Each structure stands twice: as structure tokens, then as C-alpha cells.
Amino acid sequence: MAKSKRVKPQNLVKLSNLSEIDDALFEIAQLRTKLKLIDAEAEEQINKIKERAAKQAESIKNRIEQLANGIFAYAEYNKDELFEKKKTIELNFGFIGYRKSTKISVKKTTVEKLKEMGMLEHIIVKESPNKETLAQLPDEILKQVDAKRVVEDNFWYEVKEEEITQNAAKQVA
């Protein structure tokens, strides 16, 4: 049996009483507020860069679309002549051609009609355990179906960020 190695918390601040924990929660709230400001500033800069890039790219995208539409119009108008013997034409700087593609279009009633006709192999069914209903079963039944109830006692903390931010704003004013 392999020995388990104890893991010591890294980057730990020693807190000795509830007053120090309350101070730590206050500091966390302040630091989170600073992070939000940093993120907001970064997002604002990113949005400005995206706007500039979109403006710069707009005329280029329009020109590409114009050229592509021109190529398509020429190919469509001359389709019988150009593609009589082959589906693809190689040019110096690329290819043009037609490719057959087939799609299956279905309606909302398709699944129902497939069921009525007994054609179940054409229906995809995704099965997965319903954990909400399993939670209502006793542990003995869960064990019989290779499931188990896992109860965890997870530590949490919550910072009163709004109150702290409001108080900080009042102190500045």
C-alpha cells in the first residue's frame, strides 16, 4: 500500500482569530474590486482595438465578397461550357469548381413518423442517469445500481463586496 503524502497549503496567511478573518474578508473585497477595475479597463481597451480592426477590415472584407460574387457569377453563367467535362478547374492562383453535396432535411414530425414506422435505428437516443431522481433513492438502491451518495462538507466564504465598496465610496466623498 502506497503511503499518501501530506500536502501542506502553499501561500498561506496565518489568521489567529475571527477579527483577523473579518479583516481578511475586507481585504479580499478590496482586492476583488481592484481586479474588476483592471478587467473593465482591459475590456474597454480590447473593445476599442476590436472596433478599429473591424473598421480597417470592413473595406477588405467587402472587396473579397465582391470578387467572390464576381467569380461565382462568371462560373454560374458559363457553367455548362466550363464544367462540361470536369468539376474543378485549376488556375494559376487557385481553383474554381462545383461539388455535389447532399443534405437530409427533416421536420419536427420526422422522429414521430420514424417511430410509427418502426424505424428506430434512424433515431438517436441519448441515455444518461437522472441524478435528481437518483438523489431521492435510498443508499441501498443506489448501491445496487452502482451509484453512491457523496456528501461533502465544503468550506466557503462570502465577501460583502457591495457594502464595502459603498462604504469606501462614502469615505472618499
N, C-alpha and C. Protein backbone atom coordinates (compact mmCIF):
# COMPACT_ATOMS: atom_id res chain seq x y z
N MET A 1 0.84 -1.18 0.00
CA MET A 1 0.00 0.00 0.00
C MET A 1 0.89 1.24 0.00
N ALA A 2 0.67 2.11 -0.96
CA ALA A 2 1.49 3.32 -1.07
C ALA A 2 1.10 4.32 0.01
N LYS A 3 2.12 4.97 0.56
CA LYS A 3 1.85 5.97 1.58
C LYS A 3 1.37 7.24 0.90
N SER A 4 0.36 7.86 1.50
CA SER A 4 -0.11 9.13 0.94
C SER A 4 0.75 10.25 1.53
N LYS A 5 1.12 11.14 0.67
CA LYS A 5 1.96 12.25 1.08
C LYS A 5 1.07 13.40 1.53
N ARG A 6 1.36 13.93 2.70
CA ARG A 6 0.58 15.06 3.19
C ARG A 6 0.95 16.31 2.40
N VAL A 7 -0.08 17.03 2.02
CA VAL A 7 0.13 18.26 1.27
C VAL A 7 -0.11 19.42 2.20
N LYS A 8 0.88 20.27 2.30
CA LYS A 8 0.73 21.46 3.13
C LYS A 8 0.26 22.61 2.25
N PRO A 9 -0.68 23.40 2.77
CA PRO A 9 -1.15 24.55 1.97
C PRO A 9 0.01 25.48 1.64
N GLN A 10 0.03 25.92 0.41
CA GLN A 10 1.06 26.85 -0.03
C GLN A 10 0.51 28.27 0.04
N ASN A 11 1.39 29.24 0.16
CA ASN A 11 0.99 30.64 0.07
C ASN A 11 -0.09 30.95 1.12
N LEU A 12 0.18 30.56 2.36
CA LEU A 12 -0.80 30.64 3.44
C LEU A 12 -0.56 31.87 4.29
N VAL A 13 -1.64 32.57 4.62
CA VAL A 13 -1.58 33.68 5.56
C VAL A 13 -2.14 33.17 6.88
N LYS A 14 -1.37 33.29 7.95
CA LYS A 14 -1.82 32.77 9.25
C LYS A 14 -2.80 33.77 9.87
N LEU A 15 -3.99 33.26 10.14
CA LEU A 15 -5.02 34.07 10.80
C LEU A 15 -5.33 33.43 12.14
N SER A 16 -5.37 34.24 13.21
CA SER A 16 -5.46 33.69 14.55
C SER A 16 -6.83 33.83 15.21
N ASN A 17 -7.67 34.73 14.68
CA ASN A 17 -8.97 34.91 15.32
C ASN A 17 -9.98 35.45 14.31
N LEU A 18 -11.24 35.54 14.74
CA LEU A 18 -12.30 35.97 13.83
C LEU A 18 -12.13 37.42 13.37
N SER A 19 -11.53 38.24 14.20
CA SER A 19 -11.29 39.63 13.81
C SER A 19 -10.32 39.69 12.63
N GLU A 20 -9.28 38.86 12.69
CA GLU A 20 -8.32 38.81 11.58
C GLU A 20 -8.98 38.23 10.32
N ILE A 21 -9.87 37.27 10.50
CA ILE A 21 -10.59 36.72 9.35
C ILE A 21 -11.49 37.78 8.74
N ASP A 22 -12.15 38.57 9.59
CA ASP A 22 -13.00 39.65 9.08
C ASP A 22 -12.16 40.66 8.31
N ASP A 23 -10.98 40.99 8.84
CA ASP A 23 -10.07 41.90 8.13
C ASP A 23 -9.64 41.29 6.79
N ALA A 24 -9.40 39.98 6.77
CA ALA A 24 -9.01 39.30 5.54
C ALA A 24 -10.14 39.36 4.52
N LEU A 25 -11.38 39.18 4.97
CA LEU A 25 -12.54 39.27 4.07
C LEU A 25 -12.64 40.69 3.49
N PHE A 26 -12.40 41.68 4.33
CA PHE A 26 -12.42 43.07 3.86
C PHE A 26 -11.35 43.29 2.79
N GLU A 27 -10.16 42.78 3.04
CA GLU A 27 -9.07 42.93 2.07
C GLU A 27 -9.39 42.20 0.77
N ILE A 28 -9.99 41.00 0.87
CA ILE A 28 -10.38 40.26 -0.33
C ILE A 28 -11.37 41.09 -1.15
N ALA A 29 -12.34 41.70 -0.48
CA ALA A 29 -13.32 42.54 -1.18
C ALA A 29 -12.64 43.70 -1.90
N GLN A 30 -11.69 44.34 -1.22
CA GLN A 30 -10.96 45.45 -1.84
C GLN A 30 -10.16 44.97 -3.05
N LEU A 31 -9.48 43.85 -2.90
CA LEU A 31 -8.66 43.31 -3.99
C LEU A 31 -9.52 42.88 -5.17
N ARG A 32 -10.69 42.28 -4.88
CA ARG A 32 -11.59 41.90 -5.97
C ARG A 32 -12.09 43.13 -6.73
N THR A 33 -12.35 44.21 -5.99
CA THR A 33 -12.77 45.45 -6.63
C THR A 33 -11.67 45.96 -7.56
N LYS A 34 -10.42 45.89 -7.10
CA LYS A 34 -9.30 46.31 -7.96
C LYS A 34 -9.21 45.43 -9.20
N LEU A 35 -9.40 44.10 -9.01
CA LEU A 35 -9.38 43.19 -10.16
C LEU A 35 -10.48 43.53 -11.16
N LYS A 36 -11.67 43.85 -10.65
CA LYS A 36 -12.78 44.22 -11.54
C LYS A 36 -12.44 45.47 -12.33
N LEU A 37 -11.80 46.42 -11.69
CA LEU A 37 -11.39 47.65 -12.39
C LEU A 37 -10.36 47.36 -13.47
N ILE A 38 -9.40 46.50 -13.14
CA ILE A 38 -8.39 46.10 -14.12
C ILE A 38 -9.04 45.40 -15.30
N ASP A 39 -9.94 44.46 -15.00
CA ASP A 39 -10.64 43.74 -16.07
C ASP A 39 -11.49 44.68 -16.93
N ALA A 40 -12.17 45.62 -16.27
CA ALA A 40 -13.02 46.56 -17.01
C ALA A 40 -12.18 47.43 -17.94
N GLU A 41 -11.03 47.89 -17.43
CA GLU A 41 -10.14 48.72 -18.26
C GLU A 41 -9.60 47.91 -19.43
N ALA A 42 -9.20 46.67 -19.17
CA ALA A 42 -8.70 45.81 -20.23
C ALA A 42 -9.79 45.55 -21.27
N GLU A 43 -10.99 45.27 -20.81
CA GLU A 43 -12.11 45.01 -21.73
C GLU A 43 -12.41 46.23 -22.59
N GLU A 44 -12.32 47.40 -21.98
CA GLU A 44 -12.55 48.64 -22.73
C GLU A 44 -11.49 48.81 -23.82
N GLN A 45 -10.23 48.56 -23.47
CA GLN A 45 -9.16 48.66 -24.46
C GLN A 45 -9.32 47.61 -25.56
N ILE A 46 -9.70 46.39 -25.17
CA ILE A 46 -9.91 45.32 -26.15
C ILE A 46 -11.02 45.71 -27.11
N ASN A 47 -12.12 46.25 -26.57
CA ASN A 47 -13.25 46.65 -27.42
C ASN A 47 -12.84 47.74 -28.40
N LYS A 48 -12.02 48.70 -27.95
CA LYS A 48 -11.55 49.76 -28.85
C LYS A 48 -10.68 49.18 -29.97
N ILE A 49 -9.82 48.24 -29.60
CA ILE A 49 -8.96 47.60 -30.61
C ILE A 49 -9.81 46.82 -31.60
N LYS A 50 -10.81 46.10 -31.10
CA LYS A 50 -11.70 45.33 -31.98
C LYS A 50 -12.45 46.26 -32.93
N GLU A 51 -12.92 47.41 -32.42
CA GLU A 51 -13.63 48.38 -33.27
C GLU A 51 -12.72 48.91 -34.37
N ARG A 52 -11.48 49.26 -34.00
CA ARG A 52 -10.53 49.75 -35.00
C ARG A 52 -10.25 48.69 -36.06
N ALA A 53 -10.03 47.47 -35.60
CA ALA A 53 -9.75 46.36 -36.51
C ALA A 53 -10.94 46.12 -37.44
N ALA A 54 -12.14 46.17 -36.90
CA ALA A 54 -13.34 45.95 -37.72
C ALA A 54 -13.46 47.03 -38.79
N LYS A 55 -13.17 48.27 -38.42
CA LYS A 55 -13.23 49.37 -39.40
C LYS A 55 -12.18 49.18 -40.49
N GLN A 56 -10.97 48.78 -40.08
CA GLN A 56 -9.90 48.56 -41.06
C GLN A 56 -10.23 47.39 -41.97
N ALA A 57 -10.85 46.36 -41.43
CA ALA A 57 -11.13 45.15 -42.19
C ALA A 57 -12.36 45.26 -43.08
N GLU A 58 -13.24 46.20 -42.78
CA GLU A 58 -14.52 46.29 -43.48
C GLU A 58 -14.36 46.42 -44.99
N SER A 59 -13.53 47.32 -45.45
CA SER A 59 -13.38 47.51 -46.90
C SER A 59 -12.71 46.29 -47.55
N ILE A 60 -11.81 45.66 -46.82
CA ILE A 60 -11.14 44.46 -47.34
C ILE A 60 -12.15 43.32 -47.48
N LYS A 61 -12.98 43.12 -46.45
CA LYS A 61 -14.00 42.07 -46.50
C LYS A 61 -14.99 42.34 -47.62
N ASN A 62 -15.36 43.61 -47.80
CA ASN A 62 -16.28 43.96 -48.89
C ASN A 62 -15.68 43.64 -50.24
N ARG A 63 -14.41 43.94 -50.42
CA ARG A 63 -13.75 43.67 -51.70
C ARG A 63 -13.67 42.16 -51.95
N ILE A 64 -13.34 41.39 -50.92
CA ILE A 64 -13.30 39.93 -51.06
C ILE A 64 -14.68 39.42 -51.48
N GLU A 65 -15.72 39.91 -50.85
CA GLU A 65 -17.07 39.49 -51.18
C GLU A 65 -17.43 39.85 -52.62
N GLN A 66 -17.05 41.06 -53.06
CA GLN A 66 -17.31 41.48 -54.44
C GLN A 66 -16.62 40.54 -55.43
N LEU A 67 -15.34 40.26 -55.18
CA LEU A 67 -14.58 39.39 -56.08
C LEU A 67 -15.16 37.97 -56.09
N ALA A 68 -15.50 37.46 -54.92
CA ALA A 68 -16.07 36.11 -54.82
C ALA A 68 -17.40 36.04 -55.57
N ASN A 69 -18.22 37.07 -55.43
CA ASN A 69 -19.50 37.11 -56.14
C ASN A 69 -19.29 37.19 -57.64
N GLY A 70 -18.27 37.92 -58.07
CA GLY A 70 -17.95 38.01 -59.49
C GLY A 70 -17.51 36.66 -60.05
N ILE A 71 -16.66 35.97 -59.29
CA ILE A 71 -16.20 34.64 -59.70
C ILE A 71 -17.39 33.70 -59.81
N PHE A 72 -18.26 33.73 -58.80
CA PHE A 72 -19.43 32.86 -58.80
C PHE A 72 -20.35 33.17 -59.99
N ALA A 73 -20.58 34.46 -60.23
CA ALA A 73 -21.47 34.85 -61.34
C ALA A 73 -20.91 34.36 -62.67
N TYR A 74 -19.60 34.52 -62.89
CA TYR A 74 -18.98 34.06 -64.13
C TYR A 74 -19.11 32.54 -64.26
N ALA A 75 -18.82 31.82 -63.17
CA ALA A 75 -18.88 30.36 -63.20
C ALA A 75 -20.31 29.88 -63.43
N GLU A 76 -21.26 30.53 -62.80
CA GLU A 76 -22.65 30.13 -62.95
C GLU A 76 -23.15 30.40 -64.37
N TYR A 77 -22.78 31.55 -64.93
CA TYR A 77 -23.21 31.93 -66.29
C TYR A 77 -22.60 30.99 -67.33
N ASN A 78 -21.35 30.56 -67.10
CA ASN A 78 -20.64 29.71 -68.06
C ASN A 78 -20.52 28.27 -67.58
N LYS A 79 -21.36 27.84 -66.70
CA LYS A 79 -21.28 26.53 -66.06
C LYS A 79 -21.26 25.38 -67.07
N ASP A 80 -22.18 25.40 -68.02
CA ASP A 80 -22.26 24.30 -68.99
C ASP A 80 -20.98 24.16 -69.81
N GLU A 81 -20.41 25.27 -70.20
CA GLU A 81 -19.20 25.25 -71.03
C GLU A 81 -17.96 24.92 -70.21
N LEU A 82 -17.80 25.58 -69.05
CA LEU A 82 -16.59 25.41 -68.24
C LEU A 82 -16.50 24.03 -67.58
N PHE A 83 -17.63 23.53 -67.11
CA PHE A 83 -17.61 22.32 -66.30
C PHE A 83 -18.29 21.14 -67.00
N GLU A 84 -18.20 21.15 -68.33
CA GLU A 84 -18.81 20.07 -69.11
C GLU A 84 -18.13 18.74 -68.84
N LYS A 85 -16.78 18.75 -68.76
CA LYS A 85 -16.03 17.51 -68.64
C LYS A 85 -15.46 17.27 -67.24
N LYS A 86 -15.31 18.32 -66.45
CA LYS A 86 -14.76 18.14 -65.11
C LYS A 86 -15.40 19.12 -64.13
N LYS A 87 -15.31 18.80 -62.87
CA LYS A 87 -15.96 19.59 -61.82
C LYS A 87 -15.07 20.69 -61.27
N THR A 88 -13.76 20.62 -61.53
CA THR A 88 -12.81 21.58 -60.98
C THR A 88 -11.89 22.09 -62.08
N ILE A 89 -11.62 23.39 -62.05
CA ILE A 89 -10.68 24.00 -62.98
C ILE A 89 -9.55 24.60 -62.16
N GLU A 90 -8.32 24.20 -62.48
CA GLU A 90 -7.16 24.76 -61.79
C GLU A 90 -6.67 25.96 -62.57
N LEU A 91 -6.48 27.07 -61.88
CA LEU A 91 -5.94 28.30 -62.46
C LEU A 91 -4.59 28.58 -61.81
N ASN A 92 -3.91 29.63 -62.25
CA ASN A 92 -2.60 29.96 -61.68
C ASN A 92 -2.67 30.22 -60.17
N PHE A 93 -3.74 30.87 -59.72
CA PHE A 93 -3.80 31.31 -58.32
C PHE A 93 -4.91 30.64 -57.52
N GLY A 94 -5.41 29.54 -58.03
CA GLY A 94 -6.44 28.84 -57.26
C GLY A 94 -7.27 27.92 -58.11
N PHE A 95 -8.38 27.53 -57.58
CA PHE A 95 -9.27 26.59 -58.23
C PHE A 95 -10.69 27.14 -58.19
N ILE A 96 -11.48 26.77 -59.18
CA ILE A 96 -12.92 27.02 -59.14
C ILE A 96 -13.60 25.71 -59.51
N GLY A 97 -14.79 25.50 -59.00
CA GLY A 97 -15.47 24.26 -59.34
C GLY A 97 -16.78 24.10 -58.62
N TYR A 98 -17.41 23.00 -58.89
CA TYR A 98 -18.66 22.64 -58.25
C TYR A 98 -18.47 21.31 -57.55
N ARG A 99 -19.09 21.18 -56.43
CA ARG A 99 -19.01 19.95 -55.65
C ARG A 99 -20.43 19.58 -55.25
N LYS A 100 -20.81 18.36 -55.54
CA LYS A 100 -22.14 17.90 -55.14
C LYS A 100 -22.16 17.70 -53.64
N SER A 101 -23.22 18.18 -53.03
CA SER A 101 -23.41 17.91 -51.60
C SER A 101 -24.87 17.53 -51.40
N THR A 102 -25.07 16.60 -50.52
CA THR A 102 -26.42 16.12 -50.23
C THR A 102 -26.69 16.32 -48.75
N LYS A 103 -27.85 16.86 -48.46
CA LYS A 103 -28.27 17.07 -47.08
C LYS A 103 -29.61 16.40 -46.88
N ILE A 104 -29.88 16.02 -45.68
CA ILE A 104 -31.18 15.49 -45.33
C ILE A 104 -31.91 16.57 -44.55
N SER A 105 -33.05 16.98 -45.06
CA SER A 105 -33.86 17.98 -44.40
C SER A 105 -34.97 17.27 -43.64
N VAL A 106 -35.14 17.58 -42.37
CA VAL A 106 -36.15 16.93 -41.55
C VAL A 106 -37.10 17.97 -40.97
N LYS A 107 -38.27 17.51 -40.59
CA LYS A 107 -39.26 18.37 -39.94
C LYS A 107 -39.41 17.91 -38.50
N LYS A 108 -40.14 18.66 -37.71
CA LYS A 108 -40.37 18.29 -36.32
C LYS A 108 -41.10 16.96 -36.19
N THR A 109 -41.85 16.61 -37.21
CA THR A 109 -42.65 15.38 -37.18
C THR A 109 -41.87 14.15 -37.62
N THR A 110 -40.62 14.31 -38.09
CA THR A 110 -39.86 13.19 -38.63
C THR A 110 -39.64 12.09 -37.59
N VAL A 111 -39.24 12.45 -36.38
CA VAL A 111 -38.97 11.44 -35.34
C VAL A 111 -40.24 10.66 -35.03
N GLU A 112 -41.35 11.36 -34.89
CA GLU A 112 -42.62 10.71 -34.60
C GLU A 112 -42.99 9.72 -35.70
N LYS A 113 -42.82 10.10 -36.94
CA LYS A 113 -43.17 9.23 -38.06
C LYS A 113 -42.21 8.03 -38.15
N LEU A 114 -40.93 8.25 -37.84
CA LEU A 114 -39.98 7.13 -37.81
C LEU A 114 -40.40 6.11 -36.75
N LYS A 115 -40.84 6.59 -35.60
CA LYS A 115 -41.31 5.70 -34.53
C LYS A 115 -42.54 4.91 -34.99
N GLU A 116 -43.49 5.61 -35.61
CA GLU A 116 -44.71 4.96 -36.09
C GLU A 116 -44.40 3.84 -37.08
N MET A 117 -43.35 4.05 -37.89
CA MET A 117 -42.99 3.07 -38.92
C MET A 117 -42.05 2.00 -38.39
N GLY A 118 -41.68 2.10 -37.11
CA GLY A 118 -40.79 1.11 -36.52
C GLY A 118 -39.35 1.24 -36.99
N MET A 119 -38.97 2.40 -37.44
CA MET A 119 -37.61 2.62 -37.96
C MET A 119 -36.74 3.27 -36.89
N LEU A 120 -36.65 2.61 -35.74
CA LEU A 120 -35.96 3.17 -34.57
C LEU A 120 -34.46 3.30 -34.77
N GLU A 121 -33.88 2.51 -35.71
CA GLU A 121 -32.44 2.61 -35.95
C GLU A 121 -32.04 3.96 -36.54
N HIS A 122 -33.03 4.72 -36.99
CA HIS A 122 -32.76 6.03 -37.57
C HIS A 122 -32.97 7.17 -36.57
N ILE A 123 -33.12 6.81 -35.31
CA ILE A 123 -33.34 7.80 -34.25
C ILE A 123 -32.18 7.72 -33.26
N ILE A 124 -31.62 8.85 -32.94
CA ILE A 124 -30.55 8.91 -31.94
C ILE A 124 -31.19 9.15 -30.58
N VAL A 125 -30.85 8.29 -29.62
CA VAL A 125 -31.36 8.44 -28.26
C VAL A 125 -30.16 8.55 -27.33
N LYS A 126 -30.11 9.62 -26.56
CA LYS A 126 -29.01 9.79 -25.62
C LYS A 126 -29.52 9.41 -24.23
N GLU A 127 -28.91 8.42 -23.64
CA GLU A 127 -29.29 7.97 -22.31
C GLU A 127 -28.25 8.40 -21.29
N SER A 128 -28.74 8.90 -20.16
CA SER A 128 -27.84 9.22 -19.06
C SER A 128 -28.64 9.17 -17.76
N PRO A 129 -27.97 8.87 -16.65
CA PRO A 129 -28.70 8.78 -15.39
C PRO A 129 -29.28 10.14 -14.98
N ASN A 130 -30.46 10.11 -14.41
CA ASN A 130 -31.10 11.32 -13.90
C ASN A 130 -30.69 11.47 -12.44
N LYS A 131 -29.70 12.29 -12.17
CA LYS A 131 -29.14 12.42 -10.83
C LYS A 131 -30.13 13.05 -9.86
N GLU A 132 -31.03 13.86 -10.37
CA GLU A 132 -32.04 14.47 -9.48
C GLU A 132 -32.97 13.41 -8.89
N THR A 133 -33.42 12.48 -9.71
CA THR A 133 -34.30 11.43 -9.20
C THR A 133 -33.50 10.39 -8.42
N LEU A 134 -32.27 10.14 -8.81
CA LEU A 134 -31.42 9.20 -8.07
C LEU A 134 -31.20 9.70 -6.64
N ALA A 135 -31.12 11.00 -6.46
CA ALA A 135 -30.88 11.57 -5.13
C ALA A 135 -32.01 11.23 -4.17
N GLN A 136 -33.17 10.89 -4.69
CA GLN A 136 -34.33 10.57 -3.84
C GLN A 136 -34.34 9.10 -3.41
N LEU A 137 -33.49 8.29 -4.01
CA LEU A 137 -33.45 6.86 -3.69
C LEU A 137 -32.63 6.61 -2.43
N PRO A 138 -32.97 5.54 -1.69
CA PRO A 138 -32.15 5.18 -0.52
C PRO A 138 -30.79 4.63 -0.96
N ASP A 139 -29.82 4.70 -0.05
CA ASP A 139 -28.46 4.27 -0.35
C ASP A 139 -28.38 2.81 -0.80
N GLU A 140 -29.24 1.94 -0.25
CA GLU A 140 -29.22 0.53 -0.63
C GLU A 140 -29.52 0.35 -2.11
N ILE A 141 -30.49 1.09 -2.60
CA ILE A 141 -30.87 1.01 -4.02
C ILE A 141 -29.74 1.61 -4.88
N LEU A 142 -29.17 2.72 -4.43
CA LEU A 142 -28.07 3.33 -5.18
C LEU A 142 -26.93 2.34 -5.35
N LYS A 143 -26.64 1.58 -4.28
CA LYS A 143 -25.56 0.60 -4.33
C LYS A 143 -25.85 -0.49 -5.36
N GLN A 144 -27.10 -0.87 -5.46
CA GLN A 144 -27.50 -1.92 -6.41
C GLN A 144 -27.31 -1.48 -7.87
N VAL A 145 -27.38 -0.17 -8.11
CA VAL A 145 -27.23 0.34 -9.49
C VAL A 145 -25.87 0.98 -9.71
N ASP A 146 -24.89 0.60 -8.86
CA ASP A 146 -23.52 1.12 -8.97
C ASP A 146 -23.44 2.64 -8.88
N ALA A 147 -24.19 3.18 -7.95
CA ALA A 147 -24.14 4.62 -7.68
C ALA A 147 -23.98 4.79 -6.17
N LYS A 148 -23.56 5.96 -5.76
CA LYS A 148 -23.45 6.21 -4.32
C LYS A 148 -23.65 7.69 -4.06
N ARG A 149 -24.09 7.97 -2.86
CA ARG A 149 -24.30 9.34 -2.41
C ARG A 149 -22.98 9.83 -1.83
N VAL A 150 -22.49 10.94 -2.31
CA VAL A 150 -21.26 11.52 -1.81
C VAL A 150 -21.61 12.82 -1.10
N VAL A 151 -21.35 12.84 0.20
CA VAL A 151 -21.64 14.03 1.00
C VAL A 151 -20.32 14.70 1.32
N GLU A 152 -20.24 15.96 1.00
CA GLU A 152 -19.02 16.72 1.26
C GLU A 152 -19.35 17.90 2.15
N ASP A 153 -18.42 18.26 2.97
CA ASP A 153 -18.55 19.45 3.80
C ASP A 153 -17.58 20.47 3.24
N ASN A 154 -18.06 21.26 2.29
CA ASN A 154 -17.20 22.19 1.58
C ASN A 154 -17.16 23.54 2.28
N PHE A 155 -15.96 23.99 2.56
CA PHE A 155 -15.79 25.31 3.17
C PHE A 155 -16.11 26.38 2.15
N TRP A 156 -16.67 27.47 2.62
CA TRP A 156 -16.96 28.59 1.74
C TRP A 156 -16.77 29.88 2.52
N TYR A 157 -16.65 30.94 1.79
CA TYR A 157 -16.69 32.25 2.41
C TYR A 157 -17.35 33.20 1.43
N GLU A 158 -17.91 34.25 1.96
CA GLU A 158 -18.59 35.24 1.14
C GLU A 158 -18.17 36.61 1.62
N VAL A 159 -17.87 37.46 0.68
CA VAL A 159 -17.43 38.81 0.99
C VAL A 159 -18.58 39.77 0.71
N LYS A 160 -18.81 40.68 1.60
CA LYS A 160 -19.85 41.70 1.41
C LYS A 160 -19.28 42.84 0.58
N GLU A 161 -18.99 42.54 -0.70
CA GLU A 161 -18.30 43.49 -1.55
C GLU A 161 -19.08 44.78 -1.76
N GLU A 162 -20.38 44.67 -1.98
CA GLU A 162 -21.17 45.88 -2.25
C GLU A 162 -21.14 46.83 -1.06
N GLU A 163 -21.33 46.29 0.13
CA GLU A 163 -21.32 47.13 1.32
C GLU A 163 -19.96 47.78 1.51
N ILE A 164 -18.91 47.01 1.31
CA ILE A 164 -17.56 47.55 1.50
C ILE A 164 -17.27 48.62 0.45
N THR A 165 -17.68 48.36 -0.80
CA THR A 165 -17.47 49.34 -1.87
C THR A 165 -18.25 50.62 -1.58
N GLN A 166 -19.49 50.47 -1.13
CA GLN A 166 -20.31 51.65 -0.80
C GLN A 166 -19.70 52.45 0.34
N ASN A 167 -19.24 51.75 1.38
CA ASN A 167 -18.60 52.43 2.50
C ASN A 167 -17.33 53.14 2.08
N ALA A 168 -16.57 52.50 1.19
CA ALA A 168 -15.33 53.12 0.70
C ALA A 168 -15.67 54.37 -0.10
N ALA A 169 -16.72 54.33 -0.89
CA ALA A 169 -17.13 55.49 -1.69
C ALA A 169 -17.57 56.63 -0.78
N LYS A 170 -18.27 56.30 0.30
CA LYS A 170 -18.73 57.33 1.24
C LYS A 170 -17.53 57.99 1.92
N GLN A 171 -16.51 57.20 2.25
CA GLN A 171 -15.33 57.74 2.93
C GLN A 171 -14.54 58.66 2.01
N VAL A 172 -14.52 58.33 0.70
CA VAL A 172 -13.78 59.16 -0.25
C VAL A 172 -14.49 60.48 -0.46
N ALA A 173 -15.81 60.46 -0.44
CA ALA A 173 -16.63 61.66 -0.70
C ALA A 173 -16.62 62.62 0.42
